[in-house]
Structures are given as C-alpha cells and as structure tokens.
Amino acid sequence: MSLKLLLATNNRGKILEYRALLQSPSIELVTPKETGLSIEVAETGNTYQENARLKALAMAKESHLISLADDSGLEVKYLGGEPGVISARYAGKHASDEDNYRKLLHRLEGMPDRLRTALFRCALALATPEGEKEVVTGECKGIITHEPRGSSGFGYDPVFYYPEYGKTFAELEPEMKDRVSHRRRAIEKLLLILPRYLPRGG
C-alpha cells in the first residue's frame, strides 16, 4: 500500500523535479490541481521554514492528505542575502523568472566573481491533516553569472553557475542537476523520516 502524498505546488518545474526525486513504489505523489484543490496560501513567513510549514499545514487540512511543501530561494552574500524569501517575486508580484534574474544581474552589474557567490536554499515541510509537521533543509553553493546561460530548469537556474560541473543549472541535464541541487539535499533528509508516515505494509 502506497502513501498518497500531496505536493503543495502547481509550479511545473518543481513538480517535475519532485517526481524525479521521489520516485518510489511506496509513494504516490499528487498535485493540488490533480486533487481539485485551488487554495492560495499567503507566504507571510520570514523564513523558508515558516513558509513551507504554512503551505504544508494548509494543504494537509484542506485535502485530508499528508502534504509536502517546499519554500526555496536564492541568496547572494554581497547583497545581504537578497533575494531570499522573496526570490519568486523579487521583481514584483507577477514577475516572470526572467524578470527576477534580470533584476539580480542588474544589482550585481560590474561586480567581480568573488562578490557573486550565492547559494540556493530549500526548506521542505511535511504535515499531516492532524497538524503534525516536520521540516528539513538543503543548500547548494554557486556563483551568479554575468549573463544567463542554458535553457533547462526554471527560476534562477540560467544565472546560477555550479563550479563542480562548470555549468549553470540551466545548462545541466535535469538528472545531473537533481544529483546536487538544494532540493536533492533536502529530500535526502526527508527520506530518513518519511518511512514513519507510510501505511502499514508500505
């Protein structure tokens, strides 16, 4: 018997990554759209962990399913951690991915590579309909490029250069990104606690 796990996002990029990262015969991953849910959860937290908890708890209570929520963002040390928790709306509430990373490039215009260090950070919250919750985190370090490169991925991937591979996340094959990403590192921690939530015999 498998665990029906609601992934609390309709972001296509995140759905594709989590389906790849959570491939297991004991987990059936479903999305809000697939379950007929259309609630919007305001991300009012000051940290990724708080926002992930808010989304996971709201979705679990509404769906009556154990829910998994992600809140993640990019942090540039030189900019004091910007864009941080507002990464998805850095250039405005309805900004596109390109709007956001173009704003970031503008903020770093003329800065040398040594001042362009950054990290992707991810918080994953698992919540039950009864209100029980767990949170794990993961991070991945890189450098912000001077121009976007690559056409894969989403978000800030075209400007996030991963030194170990010598490419931006958007230049990597999805499987390669999934080996080292901040989500992969959070998922590895999640997989240590997830068995406690599997149905008996799952």
Protein backbone atom coordinates (compact mmCIF):
# COMPACT_ATOMS: atom_id res chain seq x y z
CA MET A 1 0.00 0.00 0.00
CA SER A 2 1.46 3.36 -1.02
CA LEU A 3 1.38 6.74 0.69
CA LYS A 4 -0.68 9.32 -1.20
CA LEU A 5 1.43 12.43 -0.74
CA LEU A 6 0.18 15.86 -1.81
CA LEU A 7 2.89 18.09 -3.24
CA ALA A 8 1.74 21.59 -2.29
CA THR A 9 2.63 23.37 -5.52
CA ASN A 10 1.40 23.84 -9.07
CA ASN A 11 4.82 25.08 -10.23
CA ARG A 12 5.58 22.83 -13.22
CA GLY A 13 9.33 22.97 -12.71
CA LYS A 14 9.10 21.93 -9.07
CA ILE A 15 6.60 19.16 -9.87
CA LEU A 16 8.95 17.65 -12.47
CA GLU A 17 11.89 17.76 -10.05
CA TYR A 18 9.99 16.22 -7.14
CA ARG A 19 8.51 13.47 -9.28
CA ALA A 20 12.10 12.58 -10.26
CA LEU A 21 13.47 12.90 -6.72
CA LEU A 22 10.66 10.95 -5.04
CA GLN A 23 10.33 8.02 -7.39
CA SER A 24 9.23 5.16 -5.17
CA PRO A 25 6.64 2.37 -5.37
CA SER A 26 5.61 3.30 -1.82
CA ILE A 27 4.80 6.96 -2.68
CA GLU A 28 2.03 8.27 -4.93
CA LEU A 29 2.78 11.95 -5.49
CA VAL A 30 -0.25 14.10 -6.41
CA THR A 31 -0.67 17.83 -7.01
CA PRO A 32 -3.36 20.29 -5.88
CA LYS A 33 -4.66 20.50 -9.45
CA GLU A 34 -4.97 16.73 -9.69
CA THR A 35 -6.95 16.62 -6.44
CA GLY A 36 -9.21 19.56 -7.32
CA LEU A 37 -7.71 21.98 -4.78
CA SER A 38 -7.37 25.63 -5.69
CA ILE A 39 -6.50 27.34 -2.41
CA GLU A 40 -3.81 30.01 -2.32
CA VAL A 41 -1.63 30.13 0.79
CA ALA A 42 -0.10 33.50 1.62
CA GLU A 43 3.64 33.22 2.21
CA THR A 44 3.76 35.51 5.22
CA GLY A 45 6.68 33.84 7.00
CA ASN A 46 10.07 35.47 7.48
CA THR A 47 11.96 32.27 6.68
CA TYR A 48 11.74 29.44 4.16
CA GLN A 49 10.89 27.08 7.02
CA GLU A 50 7.93 29.19 8.16
CA ASN A 51 6.54 29.50 4.63
CA ALA A 52 6.94 25.78 3.95
CA ARG A 53 5.11 24.97 7.21
CA LEU A 54 2.26 27.36 6.36
CA LYS A 55 1.74 25.78 2.95
CA ALA A 56 2.05 22.19 4.10
CA LEU A 57 -0.36 22.61 7.03
CA ALA A 58 -2.96 24.47 4.95
CA MET A 59 -2.87 21.89 2.18
CA ALA A 60 -2.98 18.95 4.60
CA LYS A 61 -6.01 20.32 6.43
CA GLU A 62 -7.84 21.17 3.20
CA SER A 63 -7.07 17.90 1.38
CA HIS A 64 -7.01 15.48 4.37
CA LEU A 65 -3.79 14.12 2.88
CA ILE A 66 -0.25 14.18 4.21
CA SER A 67 1.27 17.14 2.38
CA LEU A 68 4.75 18.19 1.34
CA ALA A 69 5.55 21.86 0.78
CA ASP A 70 8.70 23.48 -0.49
CA ASP A 71 9.89 27.01 0.03
CA SER A 72 13.17 27.84 -1.56
CA GLY A 73 15.18 30.77 -2.75
CA LEU A 74 18.49 32.19 -3.83
CA GLU A 75 20.76 34.16 -1.52
CA VAL A 76 23.64 36.38 -2.68
CA LYS A 77 26.10 37.18 0.11
CA TYR A 78 27.19 40.54 -1.38
CA LEU A 79 23.54 41.68 -1.45
CA GLY A 80 22.95 40.77 2.19
CA GLY A 81 21.05 37.60 1.30
CA GLU A 82 18.87 39.02 -1.47
CA PRO A 83 16.57 37.96 -2.97
CA GLY A 84 15.98 35.39 -0.20
CA VAL A 85 12.41 34.54 0.75
CA ILE A 86 11.05 36.88 -1.94
CA SER A 87 13.02 35.14 -4.71
CA ALA A 88 9.87 34.22 -6.66
CA ARG A 89 8.60 37.81 -6.59
CA TYR A 90 11.89 39.72 -6.49
CA ALA A 91 10.94 41.91 -9.45
CA GLY A 92 7.29 42.20 -8.46
CA LYS A 93 4.27 40.10 -7.52
CA HIS A 94 3.63 38.80 -11.03
CA ALA A 95 7.23 38.87 -12.26
CA SER A 96 8.46 36.16 -14.61
CA ASP A 97 11.56 34.08 -13.93
CA GLU A 98 13.43 36.22 -16.44
CA ASP A 99 12.26 39.45 -14.78
CA ASN A 100 13.65 38.19 -11.48
CA TYR A 101 17.06 37.07 -12.68
CA ARG A 102 17.47 40.17 -14.86
CA LYS A 103 16.91 42.31 -11.77
CA LEU A 104 19.52 40.27 -9.92
CA LEU A 105 22.04 40.69 -12.75
CA HIS A 106 21.39 44.43 -12.73
CA ARG A 107 22.01 44.59 -8.96
CA LEU A 108 25.35 42.81 -9.48
CA GLU A 109 26.37 44.69 -12.61
CA GLY A 110 30.12 45.24 -12.74
CA MET A 111 30.81 43.07 -9.67
CA PRO A 112 33.68 40.56 -9.96
CA ASP A 113 33.09 36.83 -9.50
CA ARG A 114 34.46 36.89 -5.95
CA LEU A 115 31.49 39.09 -4.96
CA ARG A 116 28.93 37.00 -6.85
CA THR A 117 28.91 33.95 -4.56
CA ALA A 118 25.43 32.64 -3.87
CA LEU A 119 23.53 29.67 -2.59
CA PHE A 120 20.22 28.06 -3.27
CA ARG A 121 18.39 27.12 -0.07
CA CYS A 122 15.40 24.81 0.26
CA ALA A 123 13.09 24.05 3.18
CA LEU A 124 10.72 21.08 2.95
CA ALA A 125 7.82 20.75 5.35
CA LEU A 126 5.81 17.58 5.78
CA ALA A 127 2.44 17.99 7.50
CA THR A 128 -0.44 15.71 8.44
CA PRO A 129 -4.13 16.69 8.49
CA GLU A 130 -3.90 16.47 12.32
CA GLY A 131 -1.27 19.22 12.37
CA GLU A 132 1.89 17.20 12.94
CA LYS A 133 4.82 18.66 10.99
CA GLU A 134 8.49 18.08 10.20
CA VAL A 135 10.92 20.41 8.40
CA VAL A 136 14.22 19.63 6.69
CA THR A 137 16.55 21.88 4.71
CA GLY A 138 19.19 21.66 1.98
CA GLU A 139 21.52 24.07 0.23
CA CYS A 140 23.77 24.28 -2.81
CA LYS A 141 26.56 26.82 -3.35
CA GLY A 142 27.45 28.53 -6.63
CA ILE A 143 28.27 31.80 -8.38
CA ILE A 144 25.99 34.22 -10.21
CA THR A 145 27.00 34.56 -13.85
CA HIS A 146 27.20 37.85 -15.77
CA GLU A 147 24.69 36.66 -18.40
CA PRO A 148 22.05 33.90 -18.46
CA ARG A 149 23.19 30.58 -19.92
CA GLY A 150 21.23 27.46 -20.79
CA SER A 151 17.60 26.63 -21.44
CA SER A 152 16.78 23.90 -18.91
CA GLY A 153 15.37 24.29 -15.42
CA PHE A 154 13.46 27.30 -14.14
CA GLY A 155 13.76 30.25 -11.77
CA TYR A 156 17.33 31.46 -11.36
CA ASP A 157 18.88 28.36 -12.97
CA PRO A 158 20.22 30.27 -16.03
CA VAL A 159 22.38 32.52 -13.82
CA PHE A 160 23.42 30.01 -11.14
CA TYR A 161 26.83 28.59 -12.04
CA TYR A 162 27.83 25.34 -10.31
CA PRO A 163 31.65 25.24 -10.22
CA GLU A 164 31.98 21.47 -9.77
CA TYR A 165 30.25 20.88 -13.12
CA GLY A 166 31.48 24.05 -14.84
CA LYS A 167 27.96 24.91 -15.98
CA THR A 168 24.86 26.80 -14.89
CA PHE A 169 21.95 24.76 -13.58
CA ALA A 170 20.11 25.66 -16.82
CA GLU A 171 22.93 24.09 -18.87
CA LEU A 172 22.77 20.80 -16.98
CA GLU A 173 20.69 17.78 -17.88
CA PRO A 174 17.86 17.51 -15.31
CA GLU A 175 19.32 14.28 -13.91
CA MET A 176 22.66 15.99 -13.27
CA LYS A 177 21.05 18.93 -11.51
CA ASP A 178 18.97 16.54 -9.41
CA ARG A 179 22.15 14.88 -8.07
CA VAL A 180 23.47 18.05 -6.43
CA SER A 181 20.62 20.54 -6.03
CA HIS A 182 19.37 22.06 -2.80
CA ARG A 183 16.16 20.05 -3.26
CA ARG A 184 18.10 16.80 -3.57
CA ARG A 185 19.90 17.56 -0.31
CA ALA A 186 16.63 18.33 1.48
CA ILE A 187 14.96 15.22 0.01
CA GLU A 188 17.79 13.01 1.31
CA LYS A 189 16.95 14.19 4.83
CA LEU A 190 13.20 13.81 4.22
CA LEU A 191 13.64 10.20 3.13
CA LEU A 192 15.04 9.39 6.57
CA ILE A 193 11.80 10.42 8.29
CA LEU A 194 9.22 9.57 5.60
CA PRO A 195 9.02 5.85 6.46
CA ARG A 196 7.28 6.80 9.70
CA TYR A 197 4.35 8.09 7.65
CA LEU A 198 3.99 5.15 5.28
CA PRO A 199 0.87 2.97 5.65
CA ARG A 200 1.47 -0.37 7.31
CA GLY A 201 2.99 -2.69 4.78
CA GLY A 202 4.03 0.34 2.61
